[in-house]
Amino acid sequence: MTQTIVWKGLIYPSMECCCIAYGESGITVRGTIVGCDEGRPFNIDYAIDLQASWQIGSFSIQNNLSPQLDLQTFVTDDNGNWYNSADNTMVAEGCEAIDISLTPFTNTLAIRKLALQPGETGEIKVLYADIQAYKLYATRQHYTRLTEDTYRFSTEDGSFMADITVDSDMTVTYYNQLFERVSCG
């Protein structure tokens, strides 16, 4: 089974097409994001390989318009340590999920990992790919499940907070201030 989702960026003029392919041995996610940030165009491709349990195995990301973020692939071990697959250098330790700045899909990974009930709050350490700043680093994020389909996301330092609405698959439908799903099929 394959699911295709299209999101529209609300702050940065952008569109994303994300394809989620469910197989017997795992889930493959492929996304393309195109748009502009402060007048500069961007064209990002990403791929995420997941086990059937949604445990992340690897991801790759490529900024097609910038040599500062060429195609890079990262793999993880059972302890959440992330390595650049090109030279096997460690880039982060103990990260349970990833977050790519220009897609709401990766919030689904943290939400699924935390498996919160309404009223519960959880913290998760993620490997954050800040596309606009060309940075990759570990950070902690907080999620509170407000209702069956709404979560409150906040950064570790509290500098950013937004409500996220999800569907029954925990896939983001609306990320306040940032993204809105326009199609799913």
Protein backbone atom coordinates (compact mmCIF):
# COMPACT_ATOMS: atom_id res chain seq x y z
CA MET A 1 0.00 0.00 0.00
CA THR A 2 1.19 3.52 -0.79
CA GLN A 3 -0.08 6.80 0.61
CA THR A 4 0.68 10.17 -1.00
CA ILE A 5 0.38 13.36 1.01
CA VAL A 6 0.74 16.98 -0.15
CA TRP A 7 1.44 19.75 2.35
CA LYS A 8 1.52 23.50 1.81
CA GLY A 9 3.99 25.64 3.73
CA LEU A 10 2.35 28.58 5.50
CA ILE A 11 5.34 30.72 6.52
CA TYR A 12 7.74 29.72 3.77
CA PRO A 13 5.95 29.53 0.41
CA SER A 14 6.41 25.83 -0.33
CA MET A 15 4.77 22.59 -1.41
CA GLU A 16 5.72 19.07 -0.42
CA CYS A 17 4.81 15.74 -1.97
CA CYS A 18 5.46 12.83 0.40
CA CYS A 19 4.98 9.16 -0.55
CA ILE A 20 4.76 6.53 2.19
CA ALA A 21 5.15 2.95 0.94
CA TYR A 22 4.14 0.19 3.36
CA GLY A 23 5.83 -3.16 2.77
CA GLU A 24 6.17 -6.45 4.63
CA SER A 25 9.69 -5.65 5.79
CA GLY A 26 9.23 -1.97 6.51
CA ILE A 27 8.12 1.48 5.45
CA THR A 28 9.82 3.74 2.93
CA VAL A 29 9.14 7.47 2.93
CA ARG A 30 10.20 9.72 0.06
CA GLY A 31 9.53 13.45 -0.04
CA THR A 32 10.25 16.43 -2.26
CA ILE A 33 9.87 19.99 -1.00
CA VAL A 34 10.09 23.05 -3.26
CA GLY A 35 9.70 26.67 -2.25
CA CYS A 36 11.37 29.94 -1.29
CA ASP A 37 12.97 31.22 1.90
CA GLU A 38 13.65 34.99 1.95
CA GLY A 39 13.61 35.03 -1.85
CA ARG A 40 15.99 32.07 -2.17
CA PRO A 41 14.52 29.00 -3.86
CA PHE A 42 14.99 25.55 -2.33
CA ASN A 43 14.42 22.04 -3.64
CA ILE A 44 14.86 19.33 -1.03
CA ASP A 45 14.60 15.57 -1.46
CA TYR A 46 14.55 13.27 1.55
CA ALA A 47 14.17 9.55 2.12
CA ILE A 48 13.52 7.72 5.38
CA ASP A 49 13.70 3.96 5.84
CA LEU A 50 11.65 2.59 8.74
CA GLN A 51 11.05 -0.82 10.19
CA ALA A 52 7.43 -2.02 10.18
CA SER A 53 7.30 -0.81 13.84
CA TRP A 54 8.17 2.73 12.61
CA GLN A 55 11.68 2.50 14.13
CA ILE A 56 14.02 4.62 11.98
CA GLY A 57 16.91 2.83 10.29
CA SER A 58 18.32 5.55 8.04
CA PHE A 59 17.54 8.78 6.26
CA SER A 60 19.05 10.80 3.48
CA ILE A 61 18.61 14.40 2.54
CA GLN A 62 19.69 16.44 -0.46
CA ASN A 63 19.40 20.16 -1.11
CA ASN A 64 19.31 20.25 -4.91
CA LEU A 65 20.05 23.97 -5.09
CA SER A 66 22.91 24.28 -2.62
CA PRO A 67 26.35 22.69 -2.55
CA GLN A 68 26.41 23.26 1.23
CA LEU A 69 24.03 20.34 1.75
CA ASP A 70 24.82 17.73 -0.86
CA LEU A 71 23.28 14.30 -0.66
CA GLN A 72 24.02 12.94 2.79
CA THR A 73 22.86 9.65 4.25
CA PHE A 74 22.71 8.91 7.96
CA VAL A 75 22.23 5.57 9.70
CA THR A 76 21.44 4.74 13.31
CA ASP A 77 22.26 1.90 15.65
CA ASP A 78 19.99 0.38 18.31
CA ASN A 79 21.03 3.09 20.82
CA GLY A 80 19.98 6.08 18.70
CA ASN A 81 23.53 6.99 17.73
CA TRP A 82 23.62 8.52 14.25
CA TYR A 83 26.48 8.19 11.77
CA ASN A 84 27.22 9.75 8.41
CA SER A 85 27.29 6.72 6.13
CA ALA A 86 29.94 8.26 3.85
CA ASP A 87 32.72 8.18 6.44
CA ASN A 88 31.07 6.53 9.48
CA THR A 89 31.60 9.61 11.67
CA MET A 90 29.17 10.00 14.55
CA VAL A 91 26.93 13.05 14.23
CA ALA A 92 24.70 12.59 17.30
CA GLU A 93 24.14 10.29 20.27
CA GLY A 94 20.95 8.90 21.80
CA CYS A 95 18.42 10.36 19.35
CA GLU A 96 15.15 8.43 19.17
CA ALA A 97 13.79 10.25 16.10
CA ILE A 98 14.66 12.78 13.43
CA ASP A 99 13.15 16.15 12.57
CA ILE A 100 13.69 17.78 9.17
CA SER A 101 12.86 21.48 9.42
CA LEU A 102 10.87 21.89 6.20
CA THR A 103 8.52 18.90 6.51
CA PRO A 104 5.76 18.12 9.00
CA PHE A 105 6.12 14.40 8.29
CA THR A 106 8.97 13.93 10.75
CA ASN A 107 6.76 15.13 13.63
CA THR A 108 4.74 11.96 12.97
CA LEU A 109 7.83 9.94 13.91
CA ALA A 110 8.15 11.60 17.33
CA ILE A 111 4.40 11.43 17.98
CA ARG A 112 4.33 7.70 17.17
CA LYS A 113 7.45 7.03 19.26
CA LEU A 114 6.05 8.79 22.33
CA ALA A 115 2.62 7.08 22.08
CA LEU A 116 1.03 9.56 24.49
CA GLN A 117 -2.51 9.35 25.84
CA PRO A 118 -4.65 12.54 26.04
CA GLY A 119 -3.35 14.71 28.88
CA GLU A 120 0.15 13.18 28.86
CA THR A 121 3.39 15.03 28.08
CA GLY A 122 6.60 13.50 26.80
CA GLU A 123 10.11 14.51 25.84
CA ILE A 124 12.12 13.06 22.98
CA LYS A 125 15.67 13.61 21.80
CA VAL A 126 15.84 14.09 18.03
CA LEU A 127 18.45 14.59 15.36
CA TYR A 128 17.36 17.93 13.89
CA ALA A 129 18.18 18.85 10.30
CA ASP A 130 17.89 22.63 10.01
CA ILE A 131 17.77 23.01 6.23
CA GLN A 132 17.86 26.83 6.14
CA ALA A 133 20.92 27.03 8.41
CA TYR A 134 22.66 23.95 6.89
CA LYS A 135 23.03 22.43 10.38
CA LEU A 136 22.47 19.00 11.87
CA TYR A 137 22.34 18.65 15.66
CA ALA A 138 20.72 16.81 18.57
CA THR A 139 18.00 18.57 20.55
CA ARG A 140 15.14 17.74 22.88
CA GLN A 141 11.51 18.37 21.97
CA HIS A 142 8.35 18.27 24.06
CA TYR A 143 4.93 17.03 23.04
CA THR A 144 1.69 17.20 25.01
CA ARG A 145 -1.32 15.29 23.73
CA LEU A 146 -4.21 17.70 24.23
CA THR A 147 -6.97 15.61 22.60
CA GLU A 148 -7.23 12.48 20.46
CA ASP A 149 -6.02 14.42 17.41
CA THR A 150 -4.15 17.47 18.78
CA TYR A 151 -0.64 17.77 20.20
CA ARG A 152 1.24 20.78 21.53
CA PHE A 153 4.84 20.85 20.35
CA SER A 154 7.55 22.94 22.01
CA THR A 155 11.28 23.26 21.70
CA GLU A 156 13.53 22.44 24.63
CA ASP A 157 14.16 26.09 25.45
CA GLY A 158 10.51 27.06 24.96
CA SER A 159 11.32 29.53 22.18
CA PHE A 160 8.80 27.91 19.83
CA MET A 161 5.43 26.32 20.52
CA ALA A 162 2.67 25.21 18.15
CA ASP A 163 -0.34 22.93 18.08
CA ILE A 164 -0.28 20.02 15.64
CA THR A 165 -3.39 18.22 14.42
CA VAL A 166 -3.08 14.63 13.20
CA ASP A 167 -5.31 12.04 11.53
CA SER A 168 -5.97 8.50 12.75
CA ASP A 169 -2.55 7.37 11.39
CA MET A 170 -0.84 10.12 13.44
CA THR A 171 0.11 11.91 10.21
CA VAL A 172 0.11 15.71 10.46
CA THR A 173 -2.91 17.42 8.93
CA TYR A 174 -2.27 20.91 10.30
CA TYR A 175 0.80 22.35 12.01
CA ASN A 176 -0.22 25.74 13.39
CA GLN A 177 1.74 28.57 11.76
CA LEU A 178 3.79 26.24 9.52
CA PHE A 179 2.03 23.56 7.42
CA GLU A 180 -1.36 22.48 6.16
CA ARG A 181 -2.21 19.20 4.45
CA VAL A 182 -3.98 19.83 1.16
CA SER A 183 -4.27 16.28 -0.16
CA CYS A 184 -3.98 12.71 1.04
CA GLY A 185 -4.63 9.57 -0.93
